[in-house]
PDB file of all heavy atoms in Angstrom:
ATOM      1  N   ASP A   1      -1.105  11.561  -4.250  1.00  0.00           N
ATOM      2  CA  ASP A   1       0.190  11.187  -3.664  1.00  0.00           C
ATOM      3  C   ASP A   1       0.157   9.815  -3.007  1.00  0.00           C
ATOM      4  O   ASP A   1       1.204   9.349  -2.502  1.00  0.00           O
ATOM      5  CB  ASP A   1       0.608  12.226  -2.615  1.00  0.00           C
ATOM      6  CG  ASP A   1       0.844  13.599  -3.241  1.00  0.00           C
ATOM      7  OD1 ASP A   1       1.190  13.637  -4.437  1.00  0.00           O
ATOM      8  OD2 ASP A   1       0.672  14.613  -2.529  1.00  0.00           O
ATOM      9  N   LEU A   2      -1.008   9.170  -2.974  1.00  0.00           N
ATOM     10  CA  LEU A   2      -1.107   7.890  -2.281  1.00  0.00           C
ATOM     11  C   LEU A   2      -0.181   6.819  -2.865  1.00  0.00           C
ATOM     12  O   LEU A   2       0.472   6.087  -2.092  1.00  0.00           O
ATOM     13  CB  LEU A   2      -2.558   7.407  -2.283  1.00  0.00           C
ATOM     14  CG  LEU A   2      -2.816   6.105  -1.519  1.00  0.00           C
ATOM     15  CD1 LEU A   2      -2.436   6.263  -0.052  1.00  0.00           C
ATOM     16  CD2 LEU A   2      -4.279   5.686  -1.644  1.00  0.00           C
ATOM     17  N   PRO A   3      -0.056   6.650  -4.175  1.00  0.00           N
ATOM     18  CA  PRO A   3       0.879   5.635  -4.686  1.00  0.00           C
ATOM     19  C   PRO A   3       2.308   5.869  -4.225  1.00  0.00           C
ATOM     20  O   PRO A   3       3.038   4.902  -3.920  1.00  0.00           O
ATOM     21  CB  PRO A   3       0.749   5.789  -6.207  1.00  0.00           C
ATOM     22  CG  PRO A   3      -0.609   6.335  -6.420  1.00  0.00           C
ATOM     23  CD  PRO A   3      -0.836   7.258  -5.262  1.00  0.00           C
ATOM     24  N   ILE A   4       2.760   7.087  -4.135  1.00  0.00           N
ATOM     25  CA  ILE A   4       4.119   7.384  -3.667  1.00  0.00           C
ATOM     26  C   ILE A   4       4.256   6.984  -2.200  1.00  0.00           C
ATOM     27  O   ILE A   4       5.270   6.391  -1.776  1.00  0.00           O
ATOM     28  CB  ILE A   4       4.428   8.875  -3.863  1.00  0.00           C
ATOM     29  CG1 ILE A   4       4.365   9.237  -5.346  1.00  0.00           C
ATOM     30  CG2 ILE A   4       5.799   9.225  -3.287  1.00  0.00           C
ATOM     31  CD1 ILE A   4       4.565  10.706  -5.637  1.00  0.00           C
ATOM     32  N   VAL A   5       3.217   7.297  -1.384  1.00  0.00           N
ATOM     33  CA  VAL A   5       3.243   6.920   0.031  1.00  0.00           C
ATOM     34  C   VAL A   5       3.294   5.410   0.185  1.00  0.00           C
ATOM     35  O   VAL A   5       4.044   4.876   1.035  1.00  0.00           O
ATOM     36  CB  VAL A   5       2.016   7.509   0.746  1.00  0.00           C
ATOM     37  CG1 VAL A   5       1.946   7.015   2.186  1.00  0.00           C
ATOM     38  CG2 VAL A   5       2.044   9.025   0.711  1.00  0.00           C
ATOM     39  N   LEU A   6       2.534   4.684  -0.639  1.00  0.00           N
ATOM     40  CA  LEU A   6       2.547   3.218  -0.551  1.00  0.00           C
ATOM     41  C   LEU A   6       3.902   2.654  -0.922  1.00  0.00           C
ATOM     42  O   LEU A   6       4.376   1.679  -0.307  1.00  0.00           O
ATOM     43  CB  LEU A   6       1.454   2.651  -1.461  1.00  0.00           C
ATOM     44  CG  LEU A   6       0.000   2.913  -1.030  1.00  0.00           C
ATOM     45  CD1 LEU A   6      -0.967   2.364  -2.072  1.00  0.00           C
ATOM     46  CD2 LEU A   6      -0.280   2.285   0.329  1.00  0.00           C
ATOM     47  N   LEU A   7       4.546   3.235  -1.932  1.00  0.00           N
ATOM     48  CA  LEU A   7       5.885   2.770  -2.308  1.00  0.00           C
ATOM     49  C   LEU A   7       6.884   3.004  -1.181  1.00  0.00           C
ATOM     50  O   LEU A   7       7.761   2.152  -0.905  1.00  0.00           O
ATOM     51  CB  LEU A   7       6.345   3.479  -3.583  1.00  0.00           C
ATOM     52  CG  LEU A   7       5.642   3.062  -4.879  1.00  0.00           C
ATOM     53  CD1 LEU A   7       6.105   3.925  -6.038  1.00  0.00           C
ATOM     54  CD2 LEU A   7       5.893   1.581  -5.177  1.00  0.00           C
ATOM     55  N   LEU A   8       6.786   4.147  -0.507  1.00  0.00           N
ATOM     56  CA  LEU A   8       7.685   4.411   0.623  1.00  0.00           C
ATOM     57  C   LEU A   8       7.444   3.437   1.766  1.00  0.00           C
ATOM     58  O   LEU A   8       8.394   2.917   2.383  1.00  0.00           O
ATOM     59  CB  LEU A   8       7.482   5.853   1.100  1.00  0.00           C
ATOM     60  CG  LEU A   8       7.947   6.960   0.138  1.00  0.00           C
ATOM     61  CD1 LEU A   8       7.606   8.330   0.699  1.00  0.00           C
ATOM     62  CD2 LEU A   8       9.449   6.851  -0.105  1.00  0.00           C
ATOM     63  N   LEU A   9       6.157   3.153   2.054  1.00  0.00           N
ATOM     64  CA  LEU A   9       5.845   2.177   3.105  1.00  0.00           C
ATOM     65  C   LEU A   9       6.349   0.794   2.741  1.00  0.00           C
ATOM     66  O   LEU A   9       6.833   0.036   3.606  1.00  0.00           O
ATOM     67  CB  LEU A   9       4.335   2.153   3.349  1.00  0.00           C
ATOM     68  CG  LEU A   9       3.728   3.361   4.065  1.00  0.00           C
ATOM     69  CD1 LEU A   9       2.215   3.226   4.128  1.00  0.00           C
ATOM     70  CD2 LEU A   9       4.306   3.482   5.473  1.00  0.00           C
ATOM     71  N   LEU A  10       6.206   0.450   1.452  1.00  0.00           N
ATOM     72  CA  LEU A  10       6.691  -0.863   1.020  1.00  0.00           C
ATOM     73  C   LEU A  10       8.210  -0.963   1.175  1.00  0.00           C
ATOM     74  O   LEU A  10       8.755  -2.015   1.598  1.00  0.00           O
ATOM     75  CB  LEU A  10       6.284  -1.096  -0.439  1.00  0.00           C
ATOM     76  CG  LEU A  10       6.556  -2.490  -1.023  1.00  0.00           C
ATOM     77  CD1 LEU A  10       5.782  -3.547  -0.221  1.00  0.00           C
ATOM     78  CD2 LEU A  10       6.145  -2.554  -2.487  1.00  0.00           C
ATOM     79  N   ALA A  11       8.937   0.114   0.881  1.00  0.00           N
ATOM     80  CA  ALA A  11      10.396   0.122   1.049  1.00  0.00           C
ATOM     81  C   ALA A  11      10.764  -0.023   2.517  1.00  0.00           C
ATOM     82  O   ALA A  11      11.709  -0.761   2.877  1.00  0.00           O
ATOM     83  CB  ALA A  11      10.974   1.414   0.480  1.00  0.00           C
ATOM     84  N   VAL A  12      10.012   0.671   3.396  1.00  0.00           N
ATOM     85  CA  VAL A  12      10.259   0.551   4.832  1.00  0.00           C
ATOM     86  C   VAL A  12      10.006  -0.864   5.309  1.00  0.00           C
ATOM     87  O   VAL A  12      10.767  -1.430   6.130  1.00  0.00           O
ATOM     88  CB  VAL A  12       9.381   1.564   5.597  1.00  0.00           C
ATOM     89  CG1 VAL A  12       9.443   1.310   7.113  1.00  0.00           C
ATOM     90  CG2 VAL A  12       9.816   2.979   5.293  1.00  0.00           C
ATOM     91  N   ALA A  13       8.926  -1.481   4.793  1.00  0.00           N
ATOM     92  CA  ALA A  13       8.609  -2.853   5.199  1.00  0.00           C
ATOM     93  C   ALA A  13       9.709  -3.819   4.792  1.00  0.00           C
ATOM     94  O   ALA A  13      10.064  -4.747   5.538  1.00  0.00           O
ATOM     95  CB  ALA A  13       7.273  -3.270   4.578  1.00  0.00           C
ATOM     96  N   PHE A  14      10.304  -3.656   3.595  1.00  0.00           N
ATOM     97  CA  PHE A  14      11.395  -4.519   3.162  1.00  0.00           C
ATOM     98  C   PHE A  14      12.635  -4.330   4.038  1.00  0.00           C
ATOM     99  O   PHE A  14      13.331  -5.288   4.389  1.00  0.00           O
ATOM    100  CB  PHE A  14      11.750  -4.225   1.698  1.00  0.00           C
ATOM    101  CG  PHE A  14      10.921  -5.007   0.715  1.00  0.00           C
ATOM    102  CD1 PHE A  14      10.071  -4.348  -0.156  1.00  0.00           C
ATOM    103  CD2 PHE A  14      10.994  -6.386   0.665  1.00  0.00           C
ATOM    104  CE1 PHE A  14       9.298  -5.050  -1.060  1.00  0.00           C
ATOM    105  CE2 PHE A  14      10.223  -7.101  -0.248  1.00  0.00           C
ATOM    106  CZ  PHE A  14       9.374  -6.435  -1.116  1.00  0.00           C
ATOM    107  N   LEU A  15      12.919  -3.099   4.384  1.00  0.00           N
ATOM    108  CA  LEU A  15      14.127  -2.817   5.169  1.00  0.00           C
ATOM    109  C   LEU A  15      13.991  -3.299   6.601  1.00  0.00           C
ATOM    110  O   LEU A  15      14.947  -3.855   7.185  1.00  0.00           O
ATOM    111  CB  LEU A  15      14.416  -1.313   5.149  1.00  0.00           C
ATOM    112  CG  LEU A  15      14.867  -0.727   3.797  1.00  0.00           C
ATOM    113  CD1 LEU A  15      14.997   0.789   3.896  1.00  0.00           C
ATOM    114  CD2 LEU A  15      16.207  -1.343   3.366  1.00  0.00           C
ATOM    115  N   LEU A  16      12.836  -3.100   7.193  1.00  0.00           N
ATOM    116  CA  LEU A  16      12.645  -3.430   8.606  1.00  0.00           C
ATOM    117  C   LEU A  16      12.026  -4.794   8.817  1.00  0.00           C
ATOM    118  O   LEU A  16      11.899  -5.226   9.980  1.00  0.00           O
ATOM    119  CB  LEU A  16      11.763  -2.357   9.273  1.00  0.00           C
ATOM    120  CG  LEU A  16      12.309  -0.923   9.221  1.00  0.00           C
ATOM    121  CD1 LEU A  16      11.338   0.031   9.906  1.00  0.00           C
ATOM    122  CD2 LEU A  16      13.686  -0.844   9.876  1.00  0.00           C
ATOM    123  N   ARG A  17      11.620  -5.473   7.759  1.00  0.00           N
ATOM    124  CA  ARG A  17      10.997  -6.798   7.858  1.00  0.00           C
ATOM    125  C   ARG A  17       9.803  -6.778   8.807  1.00  0.00           C
ATOM    126  O   ARG A  17       9.639  -7.636   9.672  1.00  0.00           O
ATOM    127  CB  ARG A  17      12.013  -7.824   8.357  1.00  0.00           C
ATOM    128  CG  ARG A  17      13.267  -7.951   7.512  1.00  0.00           C
ATOM    129  CD  ARG A  17      12.954  -8.625   6.207  1.00  0.00           C
ATOM    130  NE  ARG A  17      14.171  -8.816   5.397  1.00  0.00           N
ATOM    131  CZ  ARG A  17      14.175  -9.470   4.247  1.00  0.00           C
ATOM    132  NH1 ARG A  17      13.040  -9.976   3.783  1.00  0.00           N
ATOM    133  NH2 ARG A  17      15.297  -9.613   3.562  1.00  0.00           N
ATOM    134  N   MET A  18       8.920  -5.764   8.598  1.00  0.00           N
ATOM    135  CA  MET A  18       7.738  -5.624   9.453  1.00  0.00           C
ATOM    136  C   MET A  18       6.501  -6.144   8.711  1.00  0.00           C
ATOM    137  O   MET A  18       6.059  -5.567   7.725  1.00  0.00           O
ATOM    138  CB  MET A  18       7.534  -4.152   9.838  1.00  0.00           C
ATOM    139  CG  MET A  18       8.703  -3.576  10.654  1.00  0.00           C
ATOM    140  SD  MET A  18       8.461  -1.819  11.050  1.00  0.00           S
ATOM    141  CE  MET A  18       6.999  -1.909  12.090  1.00  0.00           C
ATOM    142  N   ASP A  19       5.946  -7.274   9.184  1.00  0.00           N
ATOM    143  CA  ASP A  19       4.783  -7.892   8.517  1.00  0.00           C
ATOM    144  C   ASP A  19       3.545  -6.985   8.558  1.00  0.00           C
ATOM    145  O   ASP A  19       2.743  -6.963   7.620  1.00  0.00           O
ATOM    146  CB  ASP A  19       4.453  -9.226   9.184  1.00  0.00           C
ATOM    147  CG  ASP A  19       5.554 -10.248   8.948  1.00  0.00           C
ATOM    148  OD1 ASP A  19       6.331 -10.050   7.991  1.00  0.00           O
ATOM    149  OD2 ASP A  19       5.618 -11.209   9.719  1.00  0.00           O
ATOM    150  N   PHE A  20       3.402  -6.247   9.641  1.00  0.00           N
ATOM    151  CA  PHE A  20       2.238  -5.383   9.773  1.00  0.00           C
ATOM    152  C   PHE A  20       2.213  -4.305   8.676  1.00  0.00           C
ATOM    153  O   PHE A  20       1.160  -3.995   8.118  1.00  0.00           O
ATOM    154  CB  PHE A  20       2.225  -4.712  11.152  1.00  0.00           C
ATOM    155  CG  PHE A  20       1.155  -3.689  11.321  1.00  0.00           C
ATOM    156  CD1 PHE A  20      -0.176  -4.060  11.481  1.00  0.00           C
ATOM    157  CD2 PHE A  20       1.462  -2.330  11.277  1.00  0.00           C
ATOM    158  CE1 PHE A  20      -1.158  -3.106  11.604  1.00  0.00           C
ATOM    159  CE2 PHE A  20       0.479  -1.377  11.399  1.00  0.00           C
ATOM    160  CZ  PHE A  20      -0.844  -1.759  11.574  1.00  0.00           C
ATOM    161  N   VAL A  21       3.404  -3.762   8.371  1.00  0.00           N
ATOM    162  CA  VAL A  21       3.470  -2.739   7.336  1.00  0.00           C
ATOM    163  C   VAL A  21       3.154  -3.342   5.973  1.00  0.00           C
ATOM    164  O   VAL A  21       2.471  -2.734   5.146  1.00  0.00           O
ATOM    165  CB  VAL A  21       4.856  -2.069   7.335  1.00  0.00           C
ATOM    166  CG1 VAL A  21       4.949  -1.027   6.204  1.00  0.00           C
ATOM    167  CG2 VAL A  21       5.125  -1.413   8.663  1.00  0.00           C
ATOM    168  N   PHE A  22       3.658  -4.589   5.732  1.00  0.00           N
ATOM    169  CA  PHE A  22       3.303  -5.279   4.481  1.00  0.00           C
ATOM    170  C   PHE A  22       1.775  -5.424   4.364  1.00  0.00           C
ATOM    171  O   PHE A  22       1.178  -5.169   3.316  1.00  0.00           O
ATOM    172  CB  PHE A  22       3.954  -6.664   4.432  1.00  0.00           C
ATOM    173  CG  PHE A  22       5.356  -6.658   3.942  1.00  0.00           C
ATOM    174  CD1 PHE A  22       6.410  -6.994   4.797  1.00  0.00           C
ATOM    175  CD2 PHE A  22       5.649  -6.339   2.632  1.00  0.00           C
ATOM    176  CE1 PHE A  22       7.720  -6.993   4.348  1.00  0.00           C
ATOM    177  CE2 PHE A  22       6.954  -6.334   2.172  1.00  0.00           C
ATOM    178  CZ  PHE A  22       7.990  -6.665   3.038  1.00  0.00           C
ATOM    179  N   TYR A  23       1.163  -5.861   5.462  1.00  0.00           N
ATOM    180  CA  TYR A  23      -0.295  -6.068   5.464  1.00  0.00           C
ATOM    181  C   TYR A  23      -1.023  -4.744   5.197  1.00  0.00           C
ATOM    182  O   TYR A  23      -1.965  -4.692   4.407  1.00  0.00           O
ATOM    183  CB  TYR A  23      -0.705  -6.657   6.816  1.00  0.00           C
ATOM    184  CG  TYR A  23      -2.194  -6.835   6.949  1.00  0.00           C
ATOM    185  CD1 TYR A  23      -2.854  -7.906   6.337  1.00  0.00           C
ATOM    186  CD2 TYR A  23      -2.953  -5.940   7.708  1.00  0.00           C
ATOM    187  CE1 TYR A  23      -4.211  -8.069   6.468  1.00  0.00           C
ATOM    188  CE2 TYR A  23      -4.319  -6.097   7.833  1.00  0.00           C
ATOM    189  CZ  TYR A  23      -4.948  -7.158   7.203  1.00  0.00           C
ATOM    190  OH  TYR A  23      -6.309  -7.318   7.329  1.00  0.00           O
ATOM    191  N   LEU A  24      -0.537  -3.679   5.841  1.00  0.00           N
ATOM    192  CA  LEU A  24      -1.178  -2.377   5.655  1.00  0.00           C
ATOM    193  C   LEU A  24      -1.060  -1.903   4.208  1.00  0.00           C
ATOM    194  O   LEU A  24      -2.025  -1.390   3.624  1.00  0.00           O
ATOM    195  CB  LEU A  24      -0.537  -1.352   6.600  1.00  0.00           C
ATOM    196  CG  LEU A  24      -1.080   0.078   6.527  1.00  0.00           C
ATOM    197  CD1 LEU A  24      -2.541   0.104   6.931  1.00  0.00           C
ATOM    198  CD2 LEU A  24      -0.263   1.003   7.427  1.00  0.00           C
ATOM    199  N   VAL A  25       0.111  -2.111   3.613  1.00  0.00           N
ATOM    200  CA  VAL A  25       0.301  -1.692   2.219  1.00  0.00           C
ATOM    201  C   VAL A  25      -0.605  -2.479   1.295  1.00  0.00           C
ATOM    202  O   VAL A  25      -1.238  -1.913   0.381  1.00  0.00           O
ATOM    203  CB  VAL A  25       1.776  -1.867   1.813  1.00  0.00           C
ATOM    204  CG1 VAL A  25       1.945  -1.666   0.303  1.00  0.00           C
ATOM    205  CG2 VAL A  25       2.663  -0.888   2.560  1.00  0.00           C
ATOM    206  N   TYR A  26      -0.712  -3.812   1.538  1.00  0.00           N
ATOM    207  CA  TYR A  26      -1.574  -4.640   0.675  1.00  0.00           C
ATOM    208  C   TYR A  26      -3.042  -4.188   0.766  1.00  0.00           C
ATOM    209  O   TYR A  26      -3.742  -4.075  -0.241  1.00  0.00           O
ATOM    210  CB  TYR A  26      -1.456  -6.108   1.070  1.00  0.00           C
ATOM    211  CG  TYR A  26      -0.098  -6.693   0.813  1.00  0.00           C
ATOM    212  CD1 TYR A  26       0.362  -7.787   1.578  1.00  0.00           C
ATOM    213  CD2 TYR A  26       0.738  -6.187  -0.179  1.00  0.00           C
ATOM    214  CE1 TYR A  26       1.606  -8.334   1.352  1.00  0.00           C
ATOM    215  CE2 TYR A  26       1.992  -6.727  -0.408  1.00  0.00           C
ATOM    216  CZ  TYR A  26       2.427  -7.801   0.369  1.00  0.00           C
ATOM    217  OH  TYR A  26       3.664  -8.342   0.153  1.00  0.00           O
ATOM    218  N   VAL A  27      -3.513  -3.943   1.983  1.00  0.00           N
ATOM    219  CA  VAL A  27      -4.927  -3.565   2.175  1.00  0.00           C
ATOM    220  C   VAL A  27      -5.227  -2.208   1.545  1.00  0.00           C
ATOM    221  O   VAL A  27      -6.214  -2.040   0.807  1.00  0.00           O
ATOM    222  CB  VAL A  27      -5.261  -3.550   3.682  1.00  0.00           C
ATOM    223  CG1 VAL A  27      -6.651  -2.942   3.899  1.00  0.00           C
ATOM    224  CG2 VAL A  27      -5.221  -4.949   4.255  1.00  0.00           C
ATOM    225  N   VAL A  28      -4.347  -1.229   1.820  1.00  0.00           N
ATOM    226  CA  VAL A  28      -4.592   0.114   1.283  1.00  0.00           C
ATOM    227  C   VAL A  28      -4.480   0.119  -0.235  1.00  0.00           C
ATOM    228  O   VAL A  28      -5.280   0.745  -0.943  1.00  0.00           O
ATOM    229  CB  VAL A  28      -3.622   1.130   1.916  1.00  0.00           C
ATOM    230  CG1 VAL A  28      -3.781   2.490   1.258  1.00  0.00           C
ATOM    231  CG2 VAL A  28      -3.858   1.232   3.410  1.00  0.00           C
ATOM    232  N   ALA A  29      -3.478  -0.583  -0.777  1.00  0.00           N
ATOM    233  CA  ALA A  29      -3.330  -0.639  -2.228  1.00  0.00           C
ATOM    234  C   ALA A  29      -4.521  -1.328  -2.878  1.00  0.00           C
ATOM    235  O   ALA A  29      -5.004  -0.902  -3.940  1.00  0.00           O
ATOM    236  CB  ALA A  29      -2.032  -1.355  -2.595  1.00  0.00           C
ATOM    237  N   GLY A  30      -5.014  -2.401  -2.249  1.00  0.00           N
ATOM    238  CA  GLY A  30      -6.192  -3.076  -2.799  1.00  0.00           C
ATOM    239  C   GLY A  30      -7.424  -2.196  -2.778  1.00  0.00           C
ATOM    240  O   GLY A  30      -8.191  -2.135  -3.739  1.00  0.00           O
ATOM    241  N   ALA A  31      -7.606  -1.472  -1.643  1.00  0.00           N
ATOM    242  CA  ALA A  31      -8.753  -0.568  -1.540  1.00  0.00           C
ATOM    243  C   ALA A  31      -8.650   0.563  -2.556  1.00  0.00           C
ATOM    244  O   ALA A  31      -9.651   0.978  -3.168  1.00  0.00           O
ATOM    245  CB  ALA A  31      -8.856  -0.014  -0.119  1.00  0.00           C
ATOM    246  N   TYR A  32      -7.430   1.053  -2.748  1.00  0.00           N
ATOM    247  CA  TYR A  32      -7.215   2.144  -3.708  1.00  0.00           C
ATOM    248  C   TYR A  32      -7.530   1.687  -5.133  1.00  0.00           C
ATOM    249  O   TYR A  32      -8.230   2.381  -5.894  1.00  0.00           O
ATOM    250  CB  TYR A  32      -5.763   2.612  -3.607  1.00  0.00           C
ATOM    251  CG  TYR A  32      -5.395   3.696  -4.600  1.00  0.00           C
ATOM    252  CD1 TYR A  32      -5.822   5.007  -4.426  1.00  0.00           C
ATOM    253  CD2 TYR A  32      -4.619   3.395  -5.716  1.00  0.00           C
ATOM    254  CE1 TYR A  32      -5.492   6.001  -5.336  1.00  0.00           C
ATOM    255  CE2 TYR A  32      -4.276   4.387  -6.635  1.00  0.00           C
ATOM    256  CZ  TYR A  32      -4.712   5.670  -6.435  1.00  0.00           C
ATOM    257  OH  TYR A  32      -4.386   6.653  -7.344  1.00  0.00           O
ATOM    258  N   GLY A  33      -7.027   0.507  -5.511  1.00  0.00           N
ATOM    259  CA  GLY A  33      -7.297  -0.002  -6.867  1.00  0.00           C
ATOM    260  C   GLY A  33      -8.772  -0.282  -7.091  1.00  0.00           C
ATOM    261  O   GLY A  33      -9.326   0.022  -8.156  1.00  0.00           O
ATOM    262  N   LEU A  34      -9.424  -0.870  -6.049  1.00  0.00           N
ATOM    263  CA  LEU A  34     -10.855  -1.160  -6.171  1.00  0.00           C
ATOM    264  C   LEU A  34     -11.667   0.131  -6.295  1.00  0.00           C
ATOM    265  O   LEU A  34     -12.607   0.217  -7.097  1.00  0.00           O
ATOM    266  CB  LEU A  34     -11.318  -1.960  -4.955  1.00  0.00           C
ATOM    267  CG  LEU A  34     -12.824  -2.295  -4.904  1.00  0.00           C
ATOM    268  CD1 LEU A  34     -13.205  -3.172  -6.090  1.00  0.00           C
ATOM    269  CD2 LEU A  34     -13.175  -2.982  -3.583  1.00  0.00           C
ATOM    270  N   ALA A  35     -11.285   1.143  -5.507  1.00  0.00           N
ATOM    271  CA  ALA A  35     -12.020   2.420  -5.557  1.00  0.00           C
ATOM    272  C   ALA A  35     -11.902   3.064  -6.931  1.00  0.00           C
ATOM    273  O   ALA A  35     -12.896   3.567  -7.477  1.00  0.00           O
ATOM    274  CB  ALA A  35     -11.498   3.352  -4.467  1.00  0.00           C
ATOM    275  N   ARG A  36     -10.713   3.054  -7.498  1.00  0.00           N
ATOM    276  CA  ARG A  36     -10.544   3.668  -8.817  1.00  0.00           C
ATOM    277  C   ARG A  36     -11.304   2.893  -9.889  1.00  0.00           C
ATOM    278  O   ARG A  36     -11.935   3.488 -10.763  1.00  0.00           O
ATOM    279  CB  ARG A  36      -9.055   3.743  -9.163  1.00  0.00           C
ATOM    280  CG  ARG A  36      -8.281   4.743  -8.310  1.00  0.00           C
ATOM    281  CD  ARG A  36      -6.847   4.870  -8.791  1.00  0.00           C
ATOM    282  NE  ARG A  36      -6.784   5.424 -10.139  1.00  0.00           N
ATOM    283  CZ  ARG A  36      -6.778   6.725 -10.411  1.00  0.00           C
ATOM    284  NH1 ARG A  36      -6.860   7.602  -9.429  1.00  0.00           N
ATOM    285  NH2 ARG A  36      -6.702   7.149 -11.653  1.00  0.00           N
ATOM    286  N   TRP A  37     -11.248   1.573  -9.825  1.00  0.00           N
ATOM    287  CA  TRP A  37     -11.974   0.766 -10.814  1.00  0.00           C
ATOM    288  C   TRP A  37     -13.480   0.954 -10.659  1.00  0.00           C
ATOM    289  O   TRP A  37     -14.202   1.099 -11.641  1.00  0.00           O
ATOM    290  CB  TRP A  37     -11.588  -0.705 -10.623  1.00  0.00           C
ATOM    291  CG  TRP A  37     -12.367  -1.643 -11.504  1.00  0.00           C
ATOM    292  CD1 TRP A  37     -12.120  -1.952 -12.799  1.00  0.00           C
ATOM    293  CD2 TRP A  37     -13.550  -2.370 -11.135  1.00  0.00           C
ATOM    294  NE1 TRP A  37     -13.055  -2.837 -13.274  1.00  0.00           N
ATOM    295  CE2 TRP A  37     -13.960  -3.106 -12.264  1.00  0.00           C
ATOM    296  CE3 TRP A  37     -14.283  -2.480  -9.964  1.00  0.00           C
ATOM    297  CZ2 TRP A  37     -15.058  -3.939 -12.265  1.00  0.00           C
ATOM    298  CZ3 TRP A  37     -15.397  -3.306  -9.954  1.00  0.00           C
ATOM    299  CH2 TRP A  37     -15.776  -4.014 -11.099  1.00  0.00           C
ATOM    300  N   TRP A  38     -13.942   0.935  -9.413  1.00  0.00           N
ATOM    301  CA  TRP A  38     -15.368   1.073  -9.114  1.00  0.00           C
ATOM    302  C   TRP A  38     -15.895   2.428  -9.597  1.00  0.00           C
ATOM    303  O   TRP A  38     -16.922   2.522 -10.253  1.00  0.00           O
ATOM    304  CB  TRP A  38     -15.546   0.920  -7.612  1.00  0.00           C
ATOM    305  CG  TRP A  38     -16.966   0.866  -7.116  1.00  0.00           C
ATOM    306  CD1 TRP A  38     -18.090   1.218  -7.771  1.00  0.00           C
ATOM    307  CD2 TRP A  38     -17.367   0.434  -5.829  1.00  0.00           C
ATOM    308  NE1 TRP A  38     -19.188   1.042  -6.981  1.00  0.00           N
ATOM    309  CE2 TRP A  38     -18.772   0.556  -5.766  1.00  0.00           C
ATOM    310  CE3 TRP A  38     -16.676  -0.038  -4.703  1.00  0.00           C
ATOM    311  CZ2 TRP A  38     -19.492   0.221  -4.621  1.00  0.00           C
ATOM    312  CZ3 TRP A  38     -17.413  -0.373  -3.576  1.00  0.00           C
ATOM    313  CH2 TRP A  38     -18.806  -0.248  -3.537  1.00  0.00           C
ATOM    314  N   THR A  39     -15.168   3.485  -9.266  1.00  0.00           N
ATOM    315  CA  THR A  39     -15.612   4.827  -9.637  1.00  0.00           C
ATOM    316  C   THR A  39     -15.635   5.016 -11.147  1.00  0.00           C
ATOM    317  O   THR A  39     -16.587   5.562 -11.708  1.00  0.00           O
ATOM    318  CB  THR A  39     -14.708   5.880  -8.986  1.00  0.00           C
ATOM    319  OG1 THR A  39     -14.705   5.694  -7.570  1.00  0.00           O
ATOM    320  CG2 THR A  39     -15.189   7.286  -9.317  1.00  0.00           C
ATOM    321  N   ALA A  40     -14.560   4.561 -11.816  1.00  0.00           N
ATOM    322  CA  ALA A  40     -14.510   4.707 -13.271  1.00  0.00           C
ATOM    323  C   ALA A  40     -15.597   3.898 -13.953  1.00  0.00           C
ATOM    324  O   ALA A  40     -16.127   4.294 -14.995  1.00  0.00           O
ATOM    325  CB  ALA A  40     -13.133   4.275 -13.783  1.00  0.00           C
TER     326      ALA A  40
END
């Protein structure tokens, strides 16, 4: 469910113009993509 959660956070960040949420989404999404690539 993590990709769905990231999309919801990204929508919240666009609506509220919160830079911290953008940063959090970028970091978590990057870690998630790296983990999947690394494991595979």
